[in-house]
Amino acid sequence: MDLNKVDLNLLLVFNQLVIERRVSRVAESLGISQPAVSNALNRLRKLLNDDLFLRTSHGMEPTPRALQLAEPIAYAIDTIKSALSQESVFEPATSTRSFTIAATDIGEIYFLPPLLNRLAEMAPGVTLSTIRHNPANLKDDMESGRADFAIGLLPQLQGSFFRQRLFRQRFVCVFRNQHPLAKRKIVSKEDFYSAKHAVVVLHGTGHGEIDKLIDGKGAERRIQLSVPHFVAMGHILQETDLIATLPERLAKRLEGPFKLTCVPHPVKLPDHSIDLFWHAKLHRDPANQWLRRLLFELFTV
C-alpha cells in the first residue's frame, strides 16, 4: 500500500476505537465530533477493504483484520509520540514562534493592540500575522495550519473545531457628534429608518443575520453607502451625516478619536457570541494552549 494515500489521523481514530470500542468515547478522547469519527472509519474501511469494526450491543467489535492491525498501529503511534515528546514544552520568553489569526478588520482593531502589548512583555520573540475570514477557505486554512486561530462570529466552523466564548457582543447605533440625531437622548425607529445609512457587508461571518433583522418585517434602511470592512467607518461617520449599526466594542474604540456618539439601537437585536476557534489537531499543542490562555485572560468577560 502507498503510504502517501494514508492519512495518519485515521490511524489515531483506529487506535482509539480499539481501546474505547464506542464512537462517542473516541470523539471525546480525540477532541473531535462523532461524525468525524464515523467519517474516518468509513475512509479506513474503503482503504483497507474491510469492515474493521462491527456495531454490537457491547459496542464496536473489531474484525479479525482490525485485531491483526491493532498492535503494530499502536506501536507506531507510541513511537511517534515518544519522538515528539521532546518538543512538548513551550517557553514563551525564548520562543520565536509565529501565530496566524483569522480575523476581520474589527478583530484587528479590538484584539491586536492589547495582545501585542502583552506579548512584548511575556514573549518578545513571538510574532503574529492575520488573514481575513474567507467563507470558501476558512476551514481549509484552519485544517491545514495556515491559521492557528479564528476569532469572531463564525457559525460555519463546526465538527473538528473547538470554540471558547470570549464575550457577548451588542450592536449600537453610531453617528457623529454634530449629527441632528445627537441632540436626542433616544433614537426612535422612525428616526433610524428615516436617516441615511452606511453599512458593512461582511461575508463569511454572522453579521449578515443582523442586517436581515434590521431590514425585515417591511422596514428597510436608506442605504447610501456599502463597504466590505469596518476600518474606514470612523472616518466616514465623522465627515458625513450617515449613521451606522456597529458592534459596541468597536464603536467605543471609535467614539473618542472620531468624535462619534453611540446610542442604544432602536431595533431589538440579539446579542452575539464572539468566540475563539481552533482546530482539534492543535488542541494539545503547548504553544497553542499558551496563546489561548493569554487570549482568554485578556478578553474573556
C-alpha atoms as a PDB file:
ATOM      1  CA  MET A   1       0.000   0.000   0.000  1.00  0.00           C
ATOM      2  CA  ASP A   2       1.202   3.502  -0.868  1.00  0.00           C
ATOM      3  CA  LEU A   3       1.645   5.370   2.450  1.00  0.00           C
ATOM      4  CA  ASN A   4       1.141   8.668   0.633  1.00  0.00           C
ATOM      5  CA  LYS A   5      -2.522   7.697   0.404  1.00  0.00           C
ATOM      6  CA  VAL A   6      -2.845   7.104   4.143  1.00  0.00           C
ATOM      7  CA  ASP A   7      -3.938   9.955   6.405  1.00  0.00           C
ATOM      8  CA  LEU A   8      -2.161   9.267   9.696  1.00  0.00           C
ATOM      9  CA  ASN A   9      -5.047  10.889  11.582  1.00  0.00           C
ATOM     10  CA  LEU A  10      -7.138   7.904  10.515  1.00  0.00           C
ATOM     11  CA  LEU A  11      -4.768   5.629  12.410  1.00  0.00           C
ATOM     12  CA  LEU A  12      -5.294   7.681  15.567  1.00  0.00           C
ATOM     13  CA  VAL A  13      -9.031   7.091  15.243  1.00  0.00           C
ATOM     14  CA  PHE A  14      -8.450   3.383  14.579  1.00  0.00           C
ATOM     15  CA  ASN A  15      -6.212   3.023  17.646  1.00  0.00           C
ATOM     16  CA  GLN A  16      -8.702   4.803  19.891  1.00  0.00           C
ATOM     17  CA  LEU A  17     -11.566   2.650  18.584  1.00  0.00           C
ATOM     18  CA  VAL A  18      -9.600  -0.451  19.536  1.00  0.00           C
ATOM     19  CA  ILE A  19      -9.280   0.968  23.064  1.00  0.00           C
ATOM     20  CA  GLU A  20     -12.688   2.571  23.601  1.00  0.00           C
ATOM     21  CA  ARG A  21     -14.987   0.485  21.352  1.00  0.00           C
ATOM     22  CA  ARG A  22     -17.510   3.364  21.258  1.00  0.00           C
ATOM     23  CA  VAL A  23     -17.657   6.248  18.776  1.00  0.00           C
ATOM     24  CA  SER A  24     -18.773   8.766  21.423  1.00  0.00           C
ATOM     25  CA  ARG A  25     -15.832   7.971  23.692  1.00  0.00           C
ATOM     26  CA  VAL A  26     -13.378   8.155  20.788  1.00  0.00           C
ATOM     27  CA  ALA A  27     -14.736  11.578  19.808  1.00  0.00           C
ATOM     28  CA  GLU A  28     -14.328  12.818  23.380  1.00  0.00           C
ATOM     29  CA  SER A  29     -10.814  11.388  23.723  1.00  0.00           C
ATOM     30  CA  LEU A  30      -9.563  12.886  20.453  1.00  0.00           C
ATOM     31  CA  GLY A  31     -11.421  16.171  20.773  1.00  0.00           C
ATOM     32  CA  ILE A  32     -13.384  15.746  17.544  1.00  0.00           C
ATOM     33  CA  SER A  33     -17.044  15.213  16.673  1.00  0.00           C
ATOM     34  CA  GLN A  34     -18.784  11.846  16.422  1.00  0.00           C
ATOM     35  CA  PRO A  35     -19.491  12.392  12.689  1.00  0.00           C
ATOM     36  CA  ALA A  36     -15.753  12.996  12.194  1.00  0.00           C
ATOM     37  CA  VAL A  37     -15.003   9.649  13.855  1.00  0.00           C
ATOM     38  CA  SER A  38     -17.575   7.863  11.677  1.00  0.00           C
ATOM     39  CA  ASN A  39     -16.188   9.530   8.566  1.00  0.00           C
ATOM     40  CA  ALA A  40     -12.646   8.433   9.464  1.00  0.00           C
ATOM     41  CA  LEU A  41     -13.827   4.859   9.999  1.00  0.00           C
ATOM     42  CA  ASN A  42     -15.602   4.835   6.627  1.00  0.00           C
ATOM     43  CA  ARG A  43     -12.420   6.061   4.926  1.00  0.00           C
ATOM     44  CA  LEU A  44     -10.380   3.342   6.616  1.00  0.00           C
ATOM     45  CA  ARG A  45     -12.898   0.695   5.574  1.00  0.00           C
ATOM     46  CA  LYS A  46     -12.580   1.723   1.939  1.00  0.00           C
ATOM     47  CA  LEU A  47      -8.804   1.981   2.191  1.00  0.00           C
ATOM     48  CA  LEU A  48      -8.348  -1.454   3.753  1.00  0.00           C
ATOM     49  CA  ASN A  49     -11.344  -3.145   2.135  1.00  0.00           C
ATOM     50  CA  ASP A  50     -12.603  -4.452   5.470  1.00  0.00           C
ATOM     51  CA  ASP A  51     -15.400  -3.511   7.913  1.00  0.00           C
ATOM     52  CA  LEU A  52     -12.785  -3.258  10.716  1.00  0.00           C
ATOM     53  CA  PHE A  53     -15.422  -2.638  13.425  1.00  0.00           C
ATOM     54  CA  LEU A  54     -18.950  -4.000  13.664  1.00  0.00           C
ATOM     55  CA  ARG A  55     -21.648  -2.368  15.771  1.00  0.00           C
ATOM     56  CA  THR A  56     -22.961  -4.698  18.508  1.00  0.00           C
ATOM     57  CA  SER A  57     -24.827  -4.334  21.788  1.00  0.00           C
ATOM     58  CA  HIS A  58     -21.430  -4.257  23.509  1.00  0.00           C
ATOM     59  CA  GLY A  59     -20.013  -1.513  21.306  1.00  0.00           C
ATOM     60  CA  MET A  60     -17.851  -1.573  18.197  1.00  0.00           C
ATOM     61  CA  GLU A  61     -16.269  -5.019  17.955  1.00  0.00           C
ATOM     62  CA  PRO A  62     -13.079  -5.308  15.867  1.00  0.00           C
ATOM     63  CA  THR A  63     -12.918  -7.762  12.972  1.00  0.00           C
ATOM     64  CA  PRO A  64     -10.015 -10.233  12.666  1.00  0.00           C
ATOM     65  CA  ARG A  65      -8.334  -7.806  10.246  1.00  0.00           C
ATOM     66  CA  ALA A  66      -8.619  -4.989  12.810  1.00  0.00           C
ATOM     67  CA  LEU A  67      -7.166  -7.194  15.549  1.00  0.00           C
ATOM     68  CA  GLN A  68      -4.264  -8.070  13.254  1.00  0.00           C
ATOM     69  CA  LEU A  69      -3.523  -4.359  12.716  1.00  0.00           C
ATOM     70  CA  ALA A  70      -4.133  -3.188  16.290  1.00  0.00           C
ATOM     71  CA  GLU A  71      -0.740  -3.982  17.820  1.00  0.00           C
ATOM     72  CA  PRO A  72       1.542  -2.651  15.045  1.00  0.00           C
ATOM     73  CA  ILE A  73      -0.526   0.532  14.702  1.00  0.00           C
ATOM     74  CA  ALA A  74      -0.460   1.127  18.474  1.00  0.00           C
ATOM     75  CA  TYR A  75       3.298   0.555  18.482  1.00  0.00           C
ATOM     76  CA  ALA A  76       3.798   3.013  15.610  1.00  0.00           C
ATOM     77  CA  ILE A  77       1.712   5.698  17.352  1.00  0.00           C
ATOM     78  CA  ASP A  78       3.608   5.250  20.621  1.00  0.00           C
ATOM     79  CA  THR A  79       6.902   5.535  18.744  1.00  0.00           C
ATOM     80  CA  ILE A  80       5.837   8.797  17.107  1.00  0.00           C
ATOM     81  CA  LYS A  81       4.569  10.209  20.426  1.00  0.00           C
ATOM     82  CA  SER A  82       7.852   9.328  22.081  1.00  0.00           C
ATOM     83  CA  ALA A  83       9.833  11.028  19.327  1.00  0.00           C
ATOM     84  CA  LEU A  84       7.755  14.165  19.579  1.00  0.00           C
ATOM     85  CA  SER A  85       7.601  14.362  23.360  1.00  0.00           C
ATOM     86  CA  GLN A  86      10.913  16.240  23.420  1.00  0.00           C
ATOM     87  CA  GLU A  87       9.158  19.149  21.670  1.00  0.00           C
ATOM     88  CA  SER A  88       6.227  19.287  24.117  1.00  0.00           C
ATOM     89  CA  VAL A  89       7.420  22.284  26.165  1.00  0.00           C
ATOM     90  CA  PHE A  90       6.724  25.855  25.064  1.00  0.00           C
ATOM     91  CA  GLU A  91       8.883  28.609  26.550  1.00  0.00           C
ATOM     92  CA  PRO A  92       7.276  31.961  25.679  1.00  0.00           C
ATOM     93  CA  ALA A  93      10.210  34.073  26.878  1.00  0.00           C
ATOM     94  CA  THR A  94      12.608  32.498  24.359  1.00  0.00           C
ATOM     95  CA  SER A  95      10.221  31.335  21.630  1.00  0.00           C
ATOM     96  CA  THR A  96      10.317  32.708  18.081  1.00  0.00           C
ATOM     97  CA  ARG A  97       7.026  31.031  17.156  1.00  0.00           C
ATOM     98  CA  SER A  98       4.782  32.763  14.630  1.00  0.00           C
ATOM     99  CA  PHE A  99       0.996  32.570  15.026  1.00  0.00           C
ATOM    100  CA  THR A 100      -1.609  33.371  12.385  1.00  0.00           C
ATOM    101  CA  ILE A 101      -5.082  34.552  13.378  1.00  0.00           C
ATOM    102  CA  ALA A 102      -8.075  34.661  11.029  1.00  0.00           C
ATOM    103  CA  ALA A 103      -9.940  37.853  11.877  1.00  0.00           C
ATOM    104  CA  THR A 104     -11.855  40.737  10.384  1.00  0.00           C
ATOM    105  CA  ASP A 105     -10.531  44.270  10.480  1.00  0.00           C
ATOM    106  CA  ILE A 106     -12.732  44.866  13.524  1.00  0.00           C
ATOM    107  CA  GLY A 107     -10.911  41.985  15.200  1.00  0.00           C
ATOM    108  CA  GLU A 108      -7.572  43.563  14.360  1.00  0.00           C
ATOM    109  CA  ILE A 109      -8.690  46.901  15.813  1.00  0.00           C
ATOM    110  CA  TYR A 110     -10.058  45.429  19.023  1.00  0.00           C
ATOM    111  CA  PHE A 111      -7.807  42.439  19.792  1.00  0.00           C
ATOM    112  CA  LEU A 112      -4.347  43.189  18.422  1.00  0.00           C
ATOM    113  CA  PRO A 113      -3.189  46.251  20.432  1.00  0.00           C
ATOM    114  CA  PRO A 114      -3.637  44.686  23.908  1.00  0.00           C
ATOM    115  CA  LEU A 115      -2.404  41.295  22.674  1.00  0.00           C
ATOM    116  CA  LEU A 116       0.754  42.776  21.145  1.00  0.00           C
ATOM    117  CA  ASN A 117       1.460  44.749  24.304  1.00  0.00           C
ATOM    118  CA  ARG A 118       1.212  41.600  26.423  1.00  0.00           C
ATOM    119  CA  LEU A 119       3.385  39.623  24.012  1.00  0.00           C
ATOM    120  CA  ALA A 120       6.046  42.342  24.232  1.00  0.00           C
ATOM    121  CA  GLU A 121       6.174  41.717  27.982  1.00  0.00           C
ATOM    122  CA  MET A 122       5.944  37.925  28.047  1.00  0.00           C
ATOM    123  CA  ALA A 123       7.134  36.631  24.665  1.00  0.00           C
ATOM    124  CA  PRO A 124       9.113  39.291  22.777  1.00  0.00           C
ATOM    125  CA  GLY A 125      10.253  36.865  20.074  1.00  0.00           C
ATOM    126  CA  VAL A 126       6.734  35.681  19.201  1.00  0.00           C
ATOM    127  CA  THR A 127       5.225  37.228  16.061  1.00  0.00           C
ATOM    128  CA  LEU A 128       1.663  37.499  14.764  1.00  0.00           C
ATOM    129  CA  SER A 129       0.049  37.722  11.359  1.00  0.00           C
ATOM    130  CA  THR A 130      -3.582  37.893  10.325  1.00  0.00           C
ATOM    131  CA  ILE A 131      -5.653  36.655   7.426  1.00  0.00           C
ATOM    132  CA  ARG A 132      -9.207  37.503   6.501  1.00  0.00           C
ATOM    133  CA  HIS A 133     -12.234  35.316   7.149  1.00  0.00           C
ATOM    134  CA  ASN A 134     -12.936  33.768   3.758  1.00  0.00           C
ATOM    135  CA  PRO A 135     -16.048  31.544   3.848  1.00  0.00           C
ATOM    136  CA  ALA A 136     -14.701  29.437   0.989  1.00  0.00           C
ATOM    137  CA  ASN A 137     -11.284  28.806   2.543  1.00  0.00           C
ATOM    138  CA  LEU A 138     -11.515  29.300   6.310  1.00  0.00           C
ATOM    139  CA  LYS A 139     -11.997  25.624   7.187  1.00  0.00           C
ATOM    140  CA  ASP A 140      -9.136  24.628   4.899  1.00  0.00           C
ATOM    141  CA  ASP A 141      -6.929  27.348   6.361  1.00  0.00           C
ATOM    142  CA  MET A 142      -7.586  26.035   9.866  1.00  0.00           C
ATOM    143  CA  GLU A 143      -7.243  22.359   8.971  1.00  0.00           C
ATOM    144  CA  SER A 144      -4.016  22.892   7.025  1.00  0.00           C
ATOM    145  CA  GLY A 145      -2.422  25.020   9.745  1.00  0.00           C
ATOM    146  CA  ARG A 146      -2.323  28.218   7.671  1.00  0.00           C
ATOM    147  CA  ALA A 147      -4.335  29.740  10.536  1.00  0.00           C
ATOM    148  CA  ASP A 148      -3.824  28.801  14.181  1.00  0.00           C
ATOM    149  CA  PHE A 149      -6.955  30.562  15.428  1.00  0.00           C
ATOM    150  CA  ALA A 150     -10.076  32.281  14.186  1.00  0.00           C
ATOM    151  CA  ILE A 151     -11.915  34.938  16.156  1.00  0.00           C
ATOM    152  CA  GLY A 152     -15.433  36.150  15.568  1.00  0.00           C
ATOM    153  CA  LEU A 153     -18.992  35.123  14.886  1.00  0.00           C
ATOM    154  CA  LEU A 154     -18.331  32.065  12.692  1.00  0.00           C
ATOM    155  CA  PRO A 155     -21.214  29.570  12.647  1.00  0.00           C
ATOM    156  CA  GLN A 156     -19.641  27.599   9.768  1.00  0.00           C
ATOM    157  CA  LEU A 157     -16.823  26.262  11.960  1.00  0.00           C
ATOM    158  CA  GLN A 158     -18.332  23.002  13.176  1.00  0.00           C
ATOM    159  CA  GLY A 159     -17.157  19.423  13.573  1.00  0.00           C
ATOM    160  CA  SER A 160     -13.449  19.133  14.314  1.00  0.00           C
ATOM    161  CA  PHE A 161     -13.180  22.639  15.761  1.00  0.00           C
ATOM    162  CA  PHE A 162     -13.056  23.734  19.367  1.00  0.00           C
ATOM    163  CA  ARG A 163     -14.548  27.029  20.440  1.00  0.00           C
ATOM    164  CA  GLN A 164     -14.441  29.200  23.534  1.00  0.00           C
ATOM    165  CA  ARG A 165     -16.637  32.215  24.128  1.00  0.00           C
ATOM    166  CA  LEU A 166     -14.755  35.424  24.737  1.00  0.00           C
ATOM    167  CA  PHE A 167     -17.699  37.772  25.275  1.00  0.00           C
ATOM    168  CA  ARG A 168     -21.223  38.677  24.202  1.00  0.00           C
ATOM    169  CA  GLN A 169     -21.437  41.438  21.606  1.00  0.00           C
ATOM    170  CA  ARG A 170     -24.183  44.048  21.412  1.00  0.00           C
ATOM    171  CA  PHE A 171     -24.901  46.316  18.478  1.00  0.00           C
ATOM    172  CA  VAL A 172     -25.387  50.069  18.768  1.00  0.00           C
ATOM    173  CA  CYS A 173     -26.349  52.965  16.544  1.00  0.00           C
ATOM    174  CA  VAL A 174     -23.458  55.333  15.771  1.00  0.00           C
ATOM    175  CA  PHE A 175     -23.188  58.811  14.212  1.00  0.00           C
ATOM    176  CA  ARG A 176     -21.067  61.953  14.515  1.00  0.00           C
ATOM    177  CA  ASN A 177     -21.449  64.315  17.449  1.00  0.00           C
ATOM    178  CA  GLN A 178     -22.795  67.057  15.155  1.00  0.00           C
ATOM    179  CA  HIS A 179     -25.451  64.818  13.612  1.00  0.00           C
ATOM    180  CA  PRO A 180     -29.044  66.093  14.016  1.00  0.00           C
ATOM    181  CA  LEU A 181     -29.861  62.903  15.959  1.00  0.00           C
ATOM    182  CA  ALA A 182     -27.149  63.687  18.521  1.00  0.00           C
ATOM    183  CA  LYS A 183     -29.479  66.189  20.183  1.00  0.00           C
ATOM    184  CA  ARG A 184     -31.896  63.417  21.126  1.00  0.00           C
ATOM    185  CA  LYS A 185     -31.430  61.173  24.124  1.00  0.00           C
ATOM    186  CA  ILE A 186     -33.233  58.304  22.428  1.00  0.00           C
ATOM    187  CA  VAL A 187     -33.239  57.484  18.704  1.00  0.00           C
ATOM    188  CA  SER A 188     -36.613  56.093  17.662  1.00  0.00           C
ATOM    189  CA  LYS A 189     -37.229  53.537  14.934  1.00  0.00           C
ATOM    190  CA  GLU A 190     -38.728  56.300  12.817  1.00  0.00           C
ATOM    191  CA  ASP A 191     -35.567  58.386  13.225  1.00  0.00           C
ATOM    192  CA  PHE A 192     -33.422  55.353  12.441  1.00  0.00           C
ATOM    193  CA  TYR A 193     -35.168  54.316   9.231  1.00  0.00           C
ATOM    194  CA  SER A 194     -35.505  57.909   8.026  1.00  0.00           C
ATOM    195  CA  ALA A 195     -31.770  58.549   8.259  1.00  0.00           C
ATOM    196  CA  LYS A 196     -29.230  57.667   5.593  1.00  0.00           C
ATOM    197  CA  HIS A 197     -27.033  54.697   6.408  1.00  0.00           C
ATOM    198  CA  ALA A 198     -23.551  53.360   5.850  1.00  0.00           C
ATOM    199  CA  VAL A 199     -23.443  49.562   6.150  1.00  0.00           C
ATOM    200  CA  VAL A 200     -20.698  46.971   6.310  1.00  0.00           C
ATOM    201  CA  VAL A 201     -21.362  43.910   4.155  1.00  0.00           C
ATOM    202  CA  LEU A 202     -19.183  41.238   5.715  1.00  0.00           C
ATOM    203  CA  HIS A 203     -19.293  37.849   4.028  1.00  0.00           C
ATOM    204  CA  GLY A 204     -18.344  34.708   5.919  1.00  0.00           C
ATOM    205  CA  THR A 205     -19.451  35.848   9.390  1.00  0.00           C
ATOM    206  CA  GLY A 206     -22.725  36.013  11.286  1.00  0.00           C
ATOM    207  CA  HIS A 207     -23.123  39.779  10.881  1.00  0.00           C
ATOM    208  CA  GLY A 208     -25.355  39.240   7.859  1.00  0.00           C
ATOM    209  CA  GLU A 209     -28.047  37.938  10.209  1.00  0.00           C
ATOM    210  CA  ILE A 210     -28.131  41.316  11.936  1.00  0.00           C
ATOM    211  CA  ASP A 211     -28.780  43.043   8.600  1.00  0.00           C
ATOM    212  CA  LYS A 212     -31.662  40.660   7.924  1.00  0.00           C
ATOM    213  CA  LEU A 213     -33.253  41.514  11.264  1.00  0.00           C
ATOM    214  CA  ILE A 214     -32.841  45.257  10.748  1.00  0.00           C
ATOM    215  CA  ASP A 215     -34.314  45.191   7.236  1.00  0.00           C
ATOM    216  CA  GLY A 216     -37.013  42.632   7.971  1.00  0.00           C
ATOM    217  CA  LYS A 217     -40.748  42.927   8.593  1.00  0.00           C
ATOM    218  CA  GLY A 218     -41.272  45.520   5.891  1.00  0.00           C
ATOM    219  CA  ALA A 219     -38.797  48.093   7.230  1.00  0.00           C
ATOM    220  CA  GLU A 220     -35.674  48.881   5.216  1.00  0.00           C
ATOM    221  CA  ARG A 221     -32.860  51.350   5.743  1.00  0.00           C
ATOM    222  CA  ARG A 222     -31.998  54.118   3.307  1.00  0.00           C
ATOM    223  CA  ILE A 223     -28.556  52.778   2.487  1.00  0.00           C
ATOM    224  CA  GLN A 224     -26.335  55.354   0.819  1.00  0.00           C
ATOM    225  CA  LEU A 225     -23.016  53.540   1.245  1.00  0.00           C
ATOM    226  CA  SER A 226     -21.975  49.876   1.456  1.00  0.00           C
ATOM    227  CA  VAL A 227     -18.396  48.873   2.268  1.00  0.00           C
ATOM    228  CA  PRO A 228     -16.769  45.459   2.790  1.00  0.00           C
ATOM    229  CA  HIS A 229     -14.941  46.343   6.025  1.00  0.00           C
ATOM    230  CA  PHE A 230     -15.116  48.389   9.215  1.00  0.00           C
ATOM    231  CA  VAL A 231     -11.748  50.096   9.072  1.00  0.00           C
ATOM    232  CA  ALA A 232     -12.921  53.270   7.283  1.00  0.00           C
ATOM    233  CA  MET A 233     -16.199  53.623   9.176  1.00  0.00           C
ATOM    234  CA  GLY A 234     -14.848  56.098  11.741  1.00  0.00           C
ATOM    235  CA  HIS A 235     -13.626  58.477   9.024  1.00  0.00           C
ATOM    236  CA  ILE A 236     -16.883  58.133   7.053  1.00  0.00           C
ATOM    237  CA  LEU A 237     -19.191  58.822  10.004  1.00  0.00           C
ATOM    238  CA  GLN A 238     -17.036  61.691  11.244  1.00  0.00           C
ATOM    239  CA  GLU A 239     -17.343  63.609   7.967  1.00  0.00           C
ATOM    240  CA  THR A 240     -20.959  62.832   6.945  1.00  0.00           C
ATOM    241  CA  ASP A 241     -24.488  62.651   8.321  1.00  0.00           C
ATOM    242  CA  LEU A 242     -24.649  58.919   7.714  1.00  0.00           C
ATOM    243  CA  ILE A 243     -25.409  56.606  10.613  1.00  0.00           C
ATOM    244  CA  ALA A 244     -24.293  53.014  11.093  1.00  0.00           C
ATOM    245  CA  THR A 245     -25.018  49.874  13.080  1.00  0.00           C
ATOM    246  CA  LEU A 246     -21.768  48.733  14.676  1.00  0.00           C
ATOM    247  CA  PRO A 247     -20.618  46.234  17.306  1.00  0.00           C
ATOM    248  CA  GLU A 248     -20.500  48.072  20.613  1.00  0.00           C
ATOM    249  CA  ARG A 249     -16.854  47.333  21.429  1.00  0.00           C
ATOM    250  CA  LEU A 250     -15.714  48.728  18.091  1.00  0.00           C
ATOM    251  CA  ALA A 251     -17.997  51.745  18.482  1.00  0.00           C
ATOM    252  CA  LYS A 252     -16.467  52.531  21.882  1.00  0.00           C
ATOM    253  CA  ARG A 253     -12.970  52.395  20.361  1.00  0.00           C
ATOM    254  CA  LEU A 254     -14.010  54.819  17.584  1.00  0.00           C
ATOM    255  CA  GLU A 255     -16.111  57.139  19.741  1.00  0.00           C
ATOM    256  CA  GLY A 256     -13.313  59.337  21.140  1.00  0.00           C
ATOM    257  CA  PRO A 257     -10.825  59.537  18.247  1.00  0.00           C
ATOM    258  CA  PHE A 258     -13.521  60.240  15.653  1.00  0.00           C
ATOM    259  CA  LYS A 259     -15.898  62.313  17.836  1.00  0.00           C
ATOM    260  CA  LEU A 260     -18.810  59.906  17.460  1.00  0.00           C
ATOM    261  CA  THR A 261     -21.933  59.281  19.517  1.00  0.00           C
ATOM    262  CA  CYS A 262     -23.135  55.767  20.394  1.00  0.00           C
ATOM    263  CA  VAL A 263     -26.748  55.180  21.436  1.00  0.00           C
ATOM    264  CA  PRO A 264     -28.802  52.053  22.136  1.00  0.00           C
ATOM    265  CA  HIS A 265     -30.086  50.524  18.952  1.00  0.00           C
ATOM    266  CA  PRO A 266     -33.753  51.310  18.258  1.00  0.00           C
ATOM    267  CA  VAL A 267     -34.272  47.865  16.686  1.00  0.00           C
ATOM    268  CA  LYS A 268     -34.330  44.956  19.116  1.00  0.00           C
ATOM    269  CA  LEU A 269     -31.289  42.901  18.149  1.00  0.00           C
ATOM    270  CA  PRO A 270     -29.903  39.787  19.824  1.00  0.00           C
ATOM    271  CA  ASP A 271     -26.503  39.724  21.446  1.00  0.00           C
ATOM    272  CA  HIS A 272     -23.981  37.602  19.562  1.00  0.00           C
ATOM    273  CA  SER A 273     -21.208  35.440  20.922  1.00  0.00           C
ATOM    274  CA  ILE A 274     -17.682  36.339  19.848  1.00  0.00           C
ATOM    275  CA  ASP A 275     -15.695  33.116  20.051  1.00  0.00           C
ATOM    276  CA  LEU A 276     -12.144  31.866  19.707  1.00  0.00           C
ATOM    277  CA  PHE A 277     -11.846  28.819  17.404  1.00  0.00           C
ATOM    278  CA  TRP A 278      -9.017  26.342  16.917  1.00  0.00           C
ATOM    279  CA  HIS A 279      -8.700  23.017  15.127  1.00  0.00           C
ATOM    280  CA  ALA A 280      -8.680  19.742  17.032  1.00  0.00           C
ATOM    281  CA  LYS A 281      -5.188  18.865  15.862  1.00  0.00           C
ATOM    282  CA  LEU A 282      -3.807  21.874  17.785  1.00  0.00           C
ATOM    283  CA  HIS A 283      -5.874  21.278  20.895  1.00  0.00           C
ATOM    284  CA  ARG A 284      -2.947  19.797  22.840  1.00  0.00           C
ATOM    285  CA  ASP A 285      -0.177  21.807  21.218  1.00  0.00           C
ATOM    286  CA  PRO A 286       1.634  23.595  24.096  1.00  0.00           C
ATOM    287  CA  ALA A 287       2.207  26.812  22.132  1.00  0.00           C
ATOM    288  CA  ASN A 288      -1.418  26.925  21.024  1.00  0.00           C
ATOM    289  CA  GLN A 289      -2.576  26.254  24.571  1.00  0.00           C
ATOM    290  CA  TRP A 290      -0.388  29.066  25.903  1.00  0.00           C
ATOM    291  CA  LEU A 291      -1.722  31.672  23.481  1.00  0.00           C
ATOM    292  CA  ARG A 292      -5.303  30.501  24.085  1.00  0.00           C
ATOM    293  CA  ARG A 293      -4.867  31.062  27.810  1.00  0.00           C
ATOM    294  CA  LEU A 294      -3.447  34.510  27.138  1.00  0.00           C
ATOM    295  CA  LEU A 295      -6.377  35.432  24.874  1.00  0.00           C
ATOM    296  CA  PHE A 296      -8.868  34.187  27.474  1.00  0.00           C
ATOM    297  CA  GLU A 297      -7.121  36.192  30.173  1.00  0.00           C
ATOM    298  CA  LEU A 298      -7.181  39.381  28.105  1.00  0.00           C
ATOM    299  CA  PHE A 299     -10.631  39.231  26.567  1.00  0.00           C
ATOM    300  CA  THR A 300     -12.964  36.824  28.361  1.00  0.00           C
ATOM    301  CA  VAL A 301     -15.762  38.661  30.154  1.00  0.00           C
END
